[in-house]
Amino acid sequence: MYVHLTVDTEFSAGGHWDNPALPPVTQRNVWCEVDGVSHGLGFILDAFACRGLKATYFVEAVHTAMLGVDDMRPAVEAICAAGQGLEIHAHPMWLAGMDGGRPAAAPNDECAACTGAELDRMLEISFAAFAAWGAPAPTAFRSGGLSAARNVYAALRRAGIGVASNVGLGVKPPADASLQRSTGRLLVDGVVEQPVTTYATIDPRPNVGQRIVTTTATGFREMTALMEQAEAAGLEDFVILTHPFEFVKADNAQMTGMKPNARIQKRLARLAEWLADRRDRFPTTTFAARADAWRQTPETPEIRLAAPPGAAIVRAVENAIDGRNGRTVIPPA
């Protein structure tokens, strides 16, 4: 079974839409430097490189219409230099800042709510950014916030993008029931959708019985048990999601008072070591490397996964302890 380590690499508005005096948070949200050491992108690149693991970095590119191409260039160059996959990530909120625009309220950040013209423009901006960065032409796309709807796939088809990973059932179920897949592949308007892996788990909160596999939401024992379960059931691809800023804690959306999140860093390091020791069974790969095979067999059955209760309890305790020691900020739009 192929394992996809996917890293959504993006800037944050940092409260800018509510208060224009607050600047967007750019490289600080990606590199997450504390005392000159990168605990974000640099930490992730090193964790994978020293164990020979492949990953796909979905790099947000629409921000370049507002902020230019230079701020993200060092991240793109580092990813490419490491021989990792580079694909498009897109948040439509950045369109609001084009040409000095200042919306009266927080702008739309849902690709599912965009018009066809807006989606076409976002993809045009993204392709131009990749060209300006000197990066390989992208083959895959992930919408900001995992916002999925058929209009998004139609725009991808028009742009010649044949692979997507827009569905995260445990975070944002698409309104279109036909797109609600936890695993497996789905062909949507000529585009192959490979969802972020969603699994069932115990949770004391109401209506929170599903999670996507991420380094913050999923414990090490859960992730490894789920991969073993998925392999035994015949799942072809297992998709894990993370972000650079998940490996630090910060005081606010401007990412001040940053410090390393040692617990989440240890979780990723243990996962990387586990995968490296089992690369014959769980090879890591990129979306680009799998794209041809996916196009040849664009649909596969959904296989429902469930975390062992004991592993879920361990994760809940770990995350509760982590929360008492500070918080990992998920920057808002």
C-alpha atoms as a PDB file:
ATOM      1  CA  MET A   1       0.000   0.000   0.000  1.00  0.00           C
ATOM      2  CA  TYR A   2       1.327   3.423  -0.950  1.00  0.00           C
ATOM      3  CA  VAL A   3       1.513   6.063   1.775  1.00  0.00           C
ATOM      4  CA  HIS A   4       1.222   9.730   0.864  1.00  0.00           C
ATOM      5  CA  LEU A   5       2.747  12.204   3.285  1.00  0.00           C
ATOM      6  CA  THR A   6       1.134  15.468   2.152  1.00  0.00           C
ATOM      7  CA  VAL A   7       2.129  18.874   3.492  1.00  0.00           C
ATOM      8  CA  ASP A   8      -0.115  21.877   2.860  1.00  0.00           C
ATOM      9  CA  THR A   9       2.404  24.716   2.751  1.00  0.00           C
ATOM     10  CA  GLU A  10       0.715  28.099   2.972  1.00  0.00           C
ATOM     11  CA  PHE A  11       0.718  31.625   4.300  1.00  0.00           C
ATOM     12  CA  SER A  12      -1.892  32.936   6.716  1.00  0.00           C
ATOM     13  CA  ALA A  13      -3.962  36.100   6.533  1.00  0.00           C
ATOM     14  CA  GLY A  14      -3.170  36.444  10.244  1.00  0.00           C
ATOM     15  CA  GLY A  15      -6.322  38.454  10.956  1.00  0.00           C
ATOM     16  CA  HIS A  16      -5.598  40.884   8.113  1.00  0.00           C
ATOM     17  CA  TRP A  17      -9.140  40.814   6.751  1.00  0.00           C
ATOM     18  CA  ASP A  18     -10.568  41.915  10.102  1.00  0.00           C
ATOM     19  CA  ASN A  19      -7.792  44.403  10.837  1.00  0.00           C
ATOM     20  CA  PRO A  20      -5.823  45.725   7.838  1.00  0.00           C
ATOM     21  CA  ALA A  21      -3.100  46.912  10.224  1.00  0.00           C
ATOM     22  CA  LEU A  22      -2.181  43.265  10.766  1.00  0.00           C
ATOM     23  CA  PRO A  23      -0.026  42.008   7.894  1.00  0.00           C
ATOM     24  CA  PRO A  24      -0.428  38.544   6.406  1.00  0.00           C
ATOM     25  CA  VAL A  25       1.928  36.034   8.019  1.00  0.00           C
ATOM     26  CA  THR A  26       4.200  34.733   5.286  1.00  0.00           C
ATOM     27  CA  GLN A  27       7.515  32.925   5.818  1.00  0.00           C
ATOM     28  CA  ARG A  28       6.995  32.803   9.579  1.00  0.00           C
ATOM     29  CA  ASN A  29       3.965  30.567   8.984  1.00  0.00           C
ATOM     30  CA  VAL A  30       5.999  28.209   6.794  1.00  0.00           C
ATOM     31  CA  TRP A  31       9.471  28.045   8.320  1.00  0.00           C
ATOM     32  CA  CYS A  32       8.337  28.584  11.938  1.00  0.00           C
ATOM     33  CA  GLU A  33      11.804  29.642  13.080  1.00  0.00           C
ATOM     34  CA  VAL A  34      12.632  29.701  16.782  1.00  0.00           C
ATOM     35  CA  ASP A  35      16.132  30.901  17.703  1.00  0.00           C
ATOM     36  CA  GLY A  36      17.237  30.508  14.094  1.00  0.00           C
ATOM     37  CA  VAL A  37      16.015  26.908  13.740  1.00  0.00           C
ATOM     38  CA  SER A  38      13.112  25.977  11.460  1.00  0.00           C
ATOM     39  CA  HIS A  39      10.578  23.935  13.381  1.00  0.00           C
ATOM     40  CA  GLY A  40       8.134  23.982  10.466  1.00  0.00           C
ATOM     41  CA  LEU A  41       9.090  23.258   6.873  1.00  0.00           C
ATOM     42  CA  GLY A  42      12.758  22.723   7.701  1.00  0.00           C
ATOM     43  CA  PHE A  43      11.918  20.195  10.402  1.00  0.00           C
ATOM     44  CA  ILE A  44       9.598  18.271   8.059  1.00  0.00           C
ATOM     45  CA  LEU A  45      12.075  18.225   5.169  1.00  0.00           C
ATOM     46  CA  ASP A  46      14.829  16.949   7.461  1.00  0.00           C
ATOM     47  CA  ALA A  47      12.581  14.314   9.080  1.00  0.00           C
ATOM     48  CA  PHE A  48      11.764  12.831   5.687  1.00  0.00           C
ATOM     49  CA  ALA A  49      15.178  13.296   4.039  1.00  0.00           C
ATOM     50  CA  CYS A  50      17.194  11.501   6.706  1.00  0.00           C
ATOM     51  CA  ARG A  51      14.929   8.467   6.347  1.00  0.00           C
ATOM     52  CA  GLY A  52      14.620   8.528   2.557  1.00  0.00           C
ATOM     53  CA  LEU A  53      10.873   9.184   2.530  1.00  0.00           C
ATOM     54  CA  LYS A  54       8.942  10.831  -0.287  1.00  0.00           C
ATOM     55  CA  ALA A  55       6.227  13.441   0.267  1.00  0.00           C
ATOM     56  CA  THR A  56       3.952  15.762  -1.701  1.00  0.00           C
ATOM     57  CA  TYR A  57       3.938  19.435  -0.754  1.00  0.00           C
ATOM     58  CA  PHE A  58       0.767  21.244  -1.798  1.00  0.00           C
ATOM     59  CA  VAL A  59       2.043  24.817  -1.977  1.00  0.00           C
ATOM     60  CA  GLU A  60      -0.492  27.645  -1.846  1.00  0.00           C
ATOM     61  CA  ALA A  61      -0.006  29.829  -4.919  1.00  0.00           C
ATOM     62  CA  VAL A  62      -3.002  32.197  -5.196  1.00  0.00           C
ATOM     63  CA  HIS A  63      -1.424  34.485  -2.583  1.00  0.00           C
ATOM     64  CA  THR A  64       1.065  35.566  -5.252  1.00  0.00           C
ATOM     65  CA  ALA A  65      -1.634  37.743  -6.835  1.00  0.00           C
ATOM     66  CA  MET A  66      -1.574  39.855  -3.660  1.00  0.00           C
ATOM     67  CA  LEU A  67       1.882  39.309  -2.170  1.00  0.00           C
ATOM     68  CA  GLY A  68       4.090  38.456  -5.155  1.00  0.00           C
ATOM     69  CA  VAL A  69       6.193  35.353  -5.793  1.00  0.00           C
ATOM     70  CA  ASP A  70       9.281  36.053  -3.703  1.00  0.00           C
ATOM     71  CA  ASP A  71       8.104  35.178  -0.191  1.00  0.00           C
ATOM     72  CA  MET A  72       7.296  31.551  -1.066  1.00  0.00           C
ATOM     73  CA  ARG A  73      10.296  31.082  -3.361  1.00  0.00           C
ATOM     74  CA  PRO A  74      12.704  29.826  -0.634  1.00  0.00           C
ATOM     75  CA  ALA A  75      10.205  27.147   0.416  1.00  0.00           C
ATOM     76  CA  VAL A  76       9.637  26.008  -3.164  1.00  0.00           C
ATOM     77  CA  GLU A  77      13.371  25.870  -3.832  1.00  0.00           C
ATOM     78  CA  ALA A  78      13.967  23.845  -0.661  1.00  0.00           C
ATOM     79  CA  ILE A  79      11.211  21.372  -1.549  1.00  0.00           C
ATOM     80  CA  CYS A  80      12.505  20.936  -5.097  1.00  0.00           C
ATOM     81  CA  ALA A  81      16.119  20.624  -3.917  1.00  0.00           C
ATOM     82  CA  ALA A  82      14.995  17.784  -1.628  1.00  0.00           C
ATOM     83  CA  GLY A  83      13.525  15.943  -4.623  1.00  0.00           C
ATOM     84  CA  GLN A  84      10.007  16.033  -3.219  1.00  0.00           C
ATOM     85  CA  GLY A  85       6.686  16.447  -4.988  1.00  0.00           C
ATOM     86  CA  LEU A  86       5.294  19.953  -5.512  1.00  0.00           C
ATOM     87  CA  GLU A  87       1.630  20.547  -6.350  1.00  0.00           C
ATOM     88  CA  ILE A  88      -0.980  23.331  -6.213  1.00  0.00           C
ATOM     89  CA  HIS A  89      -2.827  24.390  -3.086  1.00  0.00           C
ATOM     90  CA  ALA A  90      -5.285  27.267  -3.479  1.00  0.00           C
ATOM     91  CA  HIS A  91      -7.131  29.610  -1.103  1.00  0.00           C
ATOM     92  CA  PRO A  92      -9.531  31.981  -2.900  1.00  0.00           C
ATOM     93  CA  MET A  93      -9.375  34.575  -0.101  1.00  0.00           C
ATOM     94  CA  TRP A  94      -6.199  35.987  -1.653  1.00  0.00           C
ATOM     95  CA  LEU A  95      -8.129  37.155  -4.715  1.00  0.00           C
ATOM     96  CA  ALA A  96      -9.677  39.830  -2.496  1.00  0.00           C
ATOM     97  CA  GLY A  97      -6.287  41.477  -2.013  1.00  0.00           C
ATOM     98  CA  MET A  98      -5.424  41.802  -5.696  1.00  0.00           C
ATOM     99  CA  ASP A  99      -4.672  45.324  -6.910  1.00  0.00           C
ATOM    100  CA  GLY A 100      -4.717  46.637  -3.354  1.00  0.00           C
ATOM    101  CA  GLY A 101      -8.253  45.419  -2.681  1.00  0.00           C
ATOM    102  CA  ARG A 102      -9.576  45.661   0.875  1.00  0.00           C
ATOM    103  CA  PRO A 103     -12.861  43.780   1.381  1.00  0.00           C
ATOM    104  CA  ALA A 104     -15.343  45.145   3.916  1.00  0.00           C
ATOM    105  CA  ALA A 105     -15.564  41.714   5.540  1.00  0.00           C
ATOM    106  CA  ALA A 106     -13.596  38.498   5.503  1.00  0.00           C
ATOM    107  CA  PRO A 107     -13.669  37.284   1.887  1.00  0.00           C
ATOM    108  CA  ASN A 108     -14.879  33.934   0.651  1.00  0.00           C
ATOM    109  CA  ASP A 109     -12.301  31.212   1.219  1.00  0.00           C
ATOM    110  CA  GLU A 110     -14.330  28.271  -0.080  1.00  0.00           C
ATOM    111  CA  CYS A 111     -13.430  26.959  -3.521  1.00  0.00           C
ATOM    112  CA  ALA A 112     -16.843  25.264  -3.571  1.00  0.00           C
ATOM    113  CA  ALA A 113     -18.470  28.722  -3.426  1.00  0.00           C
ATOM    114  CA  CYS A 114     -16.371  30.211  -6.247  1.00  0.00           C
ATOM    115  CA  THR A 115     -17.625  30.932  -9.739  1.00  0.00           C
ATOM    116  CA  GLY A 116     -16.087  29.164 -12.693  1.00  0.00           C
ATOM    117  CA  ALA A 117     -14.339  32.397 -13.664  1.00  0.00           C
ATOM    118  CA  GLU A 118     -12.834  32.754 -10.182  1.00  0.00           C
ATOM    119  CA  LEU A 119     -11.571  29.182 -10.196  1.00  0.00           C
ATOM    120  CA  ASP A 120     -10.104  29.630 -13.677  1.00  0.00           C
ATOM    121  CA  ARG A 121      -8.340  32.789 -12.484  1.00  0.00           C
ATOM    122  CA  MET A 122      -6.943  31.013  -9.418  1.00  0.00           C
ATOM    123  CA  LEU A 123      -5.500  28.247 -11.538  1.00  0.00           C
ATOM    124  CA  GLU A 124      -4.056  30.757 -14.015  1.00  0.00           C
ATOM    125  CA  ILE A 125      -2.344  32.570 -11.124  1.00  0.00           C
ATOM    126  CA  SER A 126      -1.063  29.272  -9.729  1.00  0.00           C
ATOM    127  CA  PHE A 127       0.440  28.107 -13.020  1.00  0.00           C
ATOM    128  CA  ALA A 128       2.132  31.495 -13.427  1.00  0.00           C
ATOM    129  CA  ALA A 129       3.548  31.249  -9.908  1.00  0.00           C
ATOM    130  CA  PHE A 130       4.990  27.780 -10.524  1.00  0.00           C
ATOM    131  CA  ALA A 131       6.603  29.070 -13.718  1.00  0.00           C
ATOM    132  CA  ALA A 132       8.043  32.099 -11.911  1.00  0.00           C
ATOM    133  CA  TRP A 133       9.466  29.809  -9.213  1.00  0.00           C
ATOM    134  CA  GLY A 134      11.086  27.620 -11.859  1.00  0.00           C
ATOM    135  CA  ALA A 135       9.148  24.645 -10.493  1.00  0.00           C
ATOM    136  CA  PRO A 136       7.978  21.626 -12.487  1.00  0.00           C
ATOM    137  CA  ALA A 137       4.506  21.948 -13.998  1.00  0.00           C
ATOM    138  CA  PRO A 138       1.946  20.748 -11.428  1.00  0.00           C
ATOM    139  CA  THR A 139      -0.150  17.642 -11.960  1.00  0.00           C
ATOM    140  CA  ALA A 140      -2.378  17.729  -8.852  1.00  0.00           C
ATOM    141  CA  PHE A 141      -4.483  20.177  -6.844  1.00  0.00           C
ATOM    142  CA  ARG A 142      -5.814  20.524  -3.310  1.00  0.00           C
ATOM    143  CA  SER A 143      -8.391  23.159  -2.421  1.00  0.00           C
ATOM    144  CA  GLY A 144      -7.918  25.336   0.626  1.00  0.00           C
ATOM    145  CA  GLY A 145      -9.797  24.009   3.624  1.00  0.00           C
ATOM    146  CA  LEU A 146     -10.644  20.823   1.677  1.00  0.00           C
ATOM    147  CA  SER A 147     -13.566  22.591   0.028  1.00  0.00           C
ATOM    148  CA  ALA A 148     -14.927  20.215  -2.609  1.00  0.00           C
ATOM    149  CA  ALA A 149     -17.714  20.595  -5.161  1.00  0.00           C
ATOM    150  CA  ARG A 150     -18.215  19.676  -8.796  1.00  0.00           C
ATOM    151  CA  ASN A 151     -17.434  23.197  -9.993  1.00  0.00           C
ATOM    152  CA  VAL A 152     -13.878  22.729  -8.692  1.00  0.00           C
ATOM    153  CA  TYR A 153     -13.337  19.572 -10.749  1.00  0.00           C
ATOM    154  CA  ALA A 154     -14.779  21.216 -13.847  1.00  0.00           C
ATOM    155  CA  ALA A 155     -12.229  24.026 -13.501  1.00  0.00           C
ATOM    156  CA  LEU A 156      -9.414  21.516 -12.995  1.00  0.00           C
ATOM    157  CA  ARG A 157     -10.430  19.674 -16.145  1.00  0.00           C
ATOM    158  CA  ARG A 158     -10.425  22.934 -18.104  1.00  0.00           C
ATOM    159  CA  ALA A 159      -6.925  23.684 -16.804  1.00  0.00           C
ATOM    160  CA  GLY A 160      -5.590  20.224 -17.628  1.00  0.00           C
ATOM    161  CA  ILE A 161      -5.137  19.095 -14.011  1.00  0.00           C
ATOM    162  CA  GLY A 162      -6.113  15.433 -13.832  1.00  0.00           C
ATOM    163  CA  VAL A 163      -5.608  14.609 -10.137  1.00  0.00           C
ATOM    164  CA  ALA A 164      -7.026  16.185  -6.981  1.00  0.00           C
ATOM    165  CA  SER A 165      -7.181  15.658  -3.237  1.00  0.00           C
ATOM    166  CA  ASN A 166     -10.008  17.958  -2.187  1.00  0.00           C
ATOM    167  CA  VAL A 167     -12.134  15.680  -0.014  1.00  0.00           C
ATOM    168  CA  GLY A 168     -11.562  15.392   3.724  1.00  0.00           C
ATOM    169  CA  LEU A 169     -14.733  13.785   4.978  1.00  0.00           C
ATOM    170  CA  GLY A 170     -13.678  14.033   8.613  1.00  0.00           C
ATOM    171  CA  VAL A 171     -13.239  17.818   8.322  1.00  0.00           C
ATOM    172  CA  LYS A 172     -15.637  19.151   5.725  1.00  0.00           C
ATOM    173  CA  PRO A 173     -18.055  16.706   4.094  1.00  0.00           C
ATOM    174  CA  PRO A 174     -18.958  17.963   0.600  1.00  0.00           C
ATOM    175  CA  ALA A 175     -22.575  19.028   0.174  1.00  0.00           C
ATOM    176  CA  ASP A 176     -22.720  16.698  -2.835  1.00  0.00           C
ATOM    177  CA  ALA A 177     -23.230  13.237  -1.333  1.00  0.00           C
ATOM    178  CA  SER A 178     -21.600  11.592  -4.365  1.00  0.00           C
ATOM    179  CA  LEU A 179     -18.271  13.160  -3.327  1.00  0.00           C
ATOM    180  CA  GLN A 180     -18.429  11.932   0.269  1.00  0.00           C
ATOM    181  CA  ARG A 181     -15.685   9.315   0.246  1.00  0.00           C
ATOM    182  CA  SER A 182     -13.447   8.383   3.175  1.00  0.00           C
ATOM    183  CA  THR A 183     -10.930   6.380   1.122  1.00  0.00           C
ATOM    184  CA  GLY A 184     -10.534   5.016  -2.387  1.00  0.00           C
ATOM    185  CA  ARG A 185     -10.545   6.953  -5.625  1.00  0.00           C
ATOM    186  CA  LEU A 186     -13.370   8.663  -7.445  1.00  0.00           C
ATOM    187  CA  LEU A 187     -13.569  10.032 -11.000  1.00  0.00           C
ATOM    188  CA  VAL A 188     -15.252  13.455 -11.019  1.00  0.00           C
ATOM    189  CA  ASP A 189     -15.723  15.253 -14.340  1.00  0.00           C
ATOM    190  CA  GLY A 190     -12.618  13.569 -15.742  1.00  0.00           C
ATOM    191  CA  VAL A 191     -10.490  14.331 -12.651  1.00  0.00           C
ATOM    192  CA  VAL A 192      -9.285  11.592 -10.282  1.00  0.00           C
ATOM    193  CA  GLU A 193     -10.094  12.473  -6.666  1.00  0.00           C
ATOM    194  CA  GLN A 194      -7.857  10.845  -4.048  1.00  0.00           C
ATOM    195  CA  PRO A 195      -9.296  11.872  -0.664  1.00  0.00           C
ATOM    196  CA  VAL A 196      -7.383  12.514   2.516  1.00  0.00           C
ATOM    197  CA  THR A 197      -7.924   9.329   4.518  1.00  0.00           C
ATOM    198  CA  THR A 198     -10.850   9.570   6.948  1.00  0.00           C
ATOM    199  CA  TYR A 199     -11.499   7.070   9.739  1.00  0.00           C
ATOM    200  CA  ALA A 200     -14.066   6.427  12.456  1.00  0.00           C
ATOM    201  CA  THR A 201     -13.053   6.879  16.070  1.00  0.00           C
ATOM    202  CA  ILE A 202     -14.526   7.209  19.531  1.00  0.00           C
ATOM    203  CA  ASP A 203     -15.052  10.781  20.687  1.00  0.00           C
ATOM    204  CA  PRO A 204     -17.049  12.079  23.656  1.00  0.00           C
ATOM    205  CA  ARG A 205     -18.222  15.098  21.679  1.00  0.00           C
ATOM    206  CA  PRO A 206     -21.423  14.765  19.646  1.00  0.00           C
ATOM    207  CA  ASN A 207     -21.111  14.338  15.875  1.00  0.00           C
ATOM    208  CA  VAL A 208     -17.309  14.036  15.965  1.00  0.00           C
ATOM    209  CA  GLY A 209     -17.017  10.380  15.103  1.00  0.00           C
ATOM    210  CA  GLN A 210     -14.858  10.885  12.016  1.00  0.00           C
ATOM    211  CA  ARG A 211     -11.366  12.330  11.631  1.00  0.00           C
ATOM    212  CA  ILE A 212      -8.961  12.784   8.790  1.00  0.00           C
ATOM    213  CA  VAL A 213      -5.487  11.365   9.339  1.00  0.00           C
ATOM    214  CA  THR A 214      -3.264  14.252  10.420  1.00  0.00           C
ATOM    215  CA  THR A 215      -0.274  14.605  12.703  1.00  0.00           C
ATOM    216  CA  THR A 216      -2.277  16.689  15.177  1.00  0.00           C
ATOM    217  CA  ALA A 217      -5.632  14.867  15.147  1.00  0.00           C
ATOM    218  CA  THR A 218      -4.279  11.306  14.944  1.00  0.00           C
ATOM    219  CA  GLY A 219      -1.953   9.608  17.388  1.00  0.00           C
ATOM    220  CA  PHE A 220       1.035   7.486  16.388  1.00  0.00           C
ATOM    221  CA  ARG A 221      -0.634   4.250  17.526  1.00  0.00           C
ATOM    222  CA  GLU A 222      -3.801   5.214  15.634  1.00  0.00           C
ATOM    223  CA  MET A 223      -1.928   5.989  12.410  1.00  0.00           C
ATOM    224  CA  THR A 224       0.070   2.778  12.411  1.00  0.00           C
ATOM    225  CA  ALA A 225      -2.962   0.648  13.329  1.00  0.00           C
ATOM    226  CA  LEU A 226      -4.997   2.308  10.578  1.00  0.00           C
ATOM    227  CA  MET A 227      -2.291   1.656   7.989  1.00  0.00           C
ATOM    228  CA  GLU A 228      -2.065  -1.988   9.003  1.00  0.00           C
ATOM    229  CA  GLN A 229      -5.858  -2.236   8.778  1.00  0.00           C
ATOM    230  CA  ALA A 230      -5.962  -0.488   5.399  1.00  0.00           C
ATOM    231  CA  GLU A 231      -3.243  -2.717   3.926  1.00  0.00           C
ATOM    232  CA  ALA A 232      -5.020  -5.863   5.111  1.00  0.00           C
ATOM    233  CA  ALA A 233      -8.265  -4.640   3.510  1.00  0.00           C
ATOM    234  CA  GLY A 234      -6.568  -3.987   0.159  1.00  0.00           C
ATOM    235  CA  LEU A 235      -6.520  -0.179   0.128  1.00  0.00           C
ATOM    236  CA  GLU A 236      -4.091   1.083  -2.514  1.00  0.00           C
ATOM    237  CA  ASP A 237      -3.316   4.580  -1.211  1.00  0.00           C
ATOM    238  CA  PHE A 238      -3.322   6.062   2.290  1.00  0.00           C
ATOM    239  CA  VAL A 239      -3.179   9.870   2.516  1.00  0.00           C
ATOM    240  CA  ILE A 240      -1.878  11.738   5.582  1.00  0.00           C
ATOM    241  CA  LEU A 241      -2.160  15.528   5.911  1.00  0.00           C
ATOM    242  CA  THR A 242       0.000  17.980   7.835  1.00  0.00           C
ATOM    243  CA  HIS A 243       1.061  21.655   7.811  1.00  0.00           C
ATOM    244  CA  PRO A 244       4.393  23.229   8.814  1.00  0.00           C
ATOM    245  CA  PHE A 245       2.773  25.379  11.522  1.00  0.00           C
ATOM    246  CA  GLU A 246       1.435  22.315  13.323  1.00  0.00           C
ATOM    247  CA  PHE A 247       4.909  21.656  14.727  1.00  0.00           C
ATOM    248  CA  VAL A 248       5.031  24.851  16.771  1.00  0.00           C
ATOM    249  CA  LYS A 249       2.832  26.577  19.310  1.00  0.00           C
ATOM    250  CA  ALA A 250       2.065  30.267  19.134  1.00  0.00           C
ATOM    251  CA  ASP A 251       0.175  32.860  21.119  1.00  0.00           C
ATOM    252  CA  ASN A 252      -2.020  34.196  18.318  1.00  0.00           C
ATOM    253  CA  ALA A 253      -2.764  34.264  14.598  1.00  0.00           C
ATOM    254  CA  GLN A 254       0.241  36.529  13.996  1.00  0.00           C
ATOM    255  CA  MET A 255       2.361  33.589  15.198  1.00  0.00           C
ATOM    256  CA  THR A 256       4.085  35.532  17.964  1.00  0.00           C
ATOM    257  CA  GLY A 257       5.557  33.770  20.972  1.00  0.00           C
ATOM    258  CA  MET A 258       6.389  30.710  18.906  1.00  0.00           C
ATOM    259  CA  LYS A 259       7.934  27.639  20.518  1.00  0.00           C
ATOM    260  CA  PRO A 260       8.427  24.073  19.272  1.00  0.00           C
ATOM    261  CA  ASN A 261       5.572  21.635  19.732  1.00  0.00           C
ATOM    262  CA  ALA A 262       7.731  18.772  20.969  1.00  0.00           C
ATOM    263  CA  ARG A 263       4.886  16.265  21.211  1.00  0.00           C
ATOM    264  CA  ILE A 264       3.759  16.669  17.582  1.00  0.00           C
ATOM    265  CA  GLN A 265       7.364  16.736  16.360  1.00  0.00           C
ATOM    266  CA  LYS A 266       8.019  13.458  18.160  1.00  0.00           C
ATOM    267  CA  ARG A 267       4.858  11.988  16.632  1.00  0.00           C
ATOM    268  CA  LEU A 268       6.031  12.794  13.088  1.00  0.00           C
ATOM    269  CA  ALA A 269       9.545  11.512  13.792  1.00  0.00           C
ATOM    270  CA  ARG A 270       8.161   8.210  15.138  1.00  0.00           C
ATOM    271  CA  LEU A 271       5.900   7.884  12.101  1.00  0.00           C
ATOM    272  CA  ALA A 272       8.805   8.564   9.720  1.00  0.00           C
ATOM    273  CA  GLU A 273      10.944   5.957  11.488  1.00  0.00           C
ATOM    274  CA  TRP A 274       8.110   3.407  11.407  1.00  0.00           C
ATOM    275  CA  LEU A 275       7.575   3.934   7.678  1.00  0.00           C
ATOM    276  CA  ALA A 276      11.298   3.757   6.932  1.00  0.00           C
ATOM    277  CA  ASP A 277      11.511   0.413   8.735  1.00  0.00           C
ATOM    278  CA  ARG A 278       8.576  -0.945   6.680  1.00  0.00           C
ATOM    279  CA  ARG A 279       9.194   0.646   3.307  1.00  0.00           C
ATOM    280  CA  ASP A 280       8.724  -2.703   1.568  1.00  0.00           C
ATOM    281  CA  ARG A 281       5.090  -2.810   2.755  1.00  0.00           C
ATOM    282  CA  PHE A 282       4.333   0.913   3.010  1.00  0.00           C
ATOM    283  CA  PRO A 283       6.383   2.769   0.390  1.00  0.00           C
ATOM    284  CA  THR A 284       6.024   6.527   0.490  1.00  0.00           C
ATOM    285  CA  THR A 285       5.491   8.248  -2.831  1.00  0.00           C
ATOM    286  CA  THR A 286       4.205  11.409  -4.496  1.00  0.00           C
ATOM    287  CA  PHE A 287       0.988  12.278  -6.267  1.00  0.00           C
ATOM    288  CA  ALA A 288       2.922  12.870  -9.473  1.00  0.00           C
ATOM    289  CA  ALA A 289       4.461   9.395  -9.297  1.00  0.00           C
ATOM    290  CA  ARG A 290       1.050   7.767  -8.890  1.00  0.00           C
ATOM    291  CA  ALA A 291      -0.862   9.933 -11.368  1.00  0.00           C
ATOM    292  CA  ASP A 292      -0.508   7.655 -14.413  1.00  0.00           C
ATOM    293  CA  ALA A 293      -1.665   4.569 -12.501  1.00  0.00           C
ATOM    294  CA  TRP A 294      -4.604   6.512 -11.072  1.00  0.00           C
ATOM    295  CA  ARG A 295      -5.675   7.653 -14.526  1.00  0.00           C
ATOM    296  CA  GLN A 296      -5.582   4.058 -15.782  1.00  0.00           C
ATOM    297  CA  THR A 297      -7.781   2.910 -12.870  1.00  0.00           C
ATOM    298  CA  PRO A 298      -9.547   6.092 -11.776  1.00  0.00           C
ATOM    299  CA  GLU A 299     -12.052   4.508  -9.395  1.00  0.00           C
ATOM    300  CA  THR A 300     -11.517   2.089  -6.514  1.00  0.00           C
ATOM    301  CA  PRO A 301     -13.884   0.991  -3.749  1.00  0.00           C
ATOM    302  CA  GLU A 302     -14.237   2.886  -0.504  1.00  0.00           C
ATOM    303  CA  ILE A 303     -12.812   0.958   2.443  1.00  0.00           C
ATOM    304  CA  ARG A 304     -14.041   2.200   5.799  1.00  0.00           C
ATOM    305  CA  LEU A 305     -11.438   2.352   8.533  1.00  0.00           C
ATOM    306  CA  ALA A 306     -11.815   2.577  12.311  1.00  0.00           C
ATOM    307  CA  ALA A 307      -9.219   3.402  14.946  1.00  0.00           C
ATOM    308  CA  PRO A 308      -8.786   0.897  17.781  1.00  0.00           C
ATOM    309  CA  PRO A 309     -10.444   2.379  20.905  1.00  0.00           C
ATOM    310  CA  GLY A 310      -7.301   1.968  22.997  1.00  0.00           C
ATOM    311  CA  ALA A 311      -5.175   3.895  20.516  1.00  0.00           C
ATOM    312  CA  ALA A 312      -7.822   6.633  20.293  1.00  0.00           C
ATOM    313  CA  ILE A 313      -7.823   7.021  24.066  1.00  0.00           C
ATOM    314  CA  VAL A 314      -4.022   7.330  24.147  1.00  0.00           C
ATOM    315  CA  ARG A 315      -4.192  10.050  21.498  1.00  0.00           C
ATOM    316  CA  ALA A 316      -6.939  11.911  23.354  1.00  0.00           C
ATOM    317  CA  VAL A 317      -4.861  11.922  26.535  1.00  0.00           C
ATOM    318  CA  GLU A 318      -1.724  13.046  24.695  1.00  0.00           C
ATOM    319  CA  ASN A 319      -3.551  15.872  22.954  1.00  0.00           C
ATOM    320  CA  ALA A 320      -5.236  16.955  26.190  1.00  0.00           C
ATOM    321  CA  ILE A 321      -1.858  17.175  27.919  1.00  0.00           C
ATOM    322  CA  ASP A 322      -0.466  19.067  24.945  1.00  0.00           C
ATOM    323  CA  GLY A 323      -3.378  21.504  25.098  1.00  0.00           C
ATOM    324  CA  ARG A 324      -2.726  22.288  28.749  1.00  0.00           C
ATOM    325  CA  ASN A 325       0.870  23.148  27.947  1.00  0.00           C
ATOM    326  CA  GLY A 326      -0.024  25.618  25.242  1.00  0.00           C
ATOM    327  CA  ARG A 327      -1.824  25.591  21.938  1.00  0.00           C
ATOM    328  CA  THR A 328      -1.011  24.997  18.336  1.00  0.00           C
ATOM    329  CA  VAL A 329      -2.524  27.851  16.376  1.00  0.00           C
ATOM    330  CA  ILE A 330      -4.385  26.970  13.198  1.00  0.00           C
ATOM    331  CA  PRO A 331      -4.226  30.391  11.534  1.00  0.00           C
ATOM    332  CA  PRO A 332      -7.655  31.652  10.451  1.00  0.00           C
ATOM    333  CA  ALA A 333      -8.425  33.299   7.145  1.00  0.00           C
END
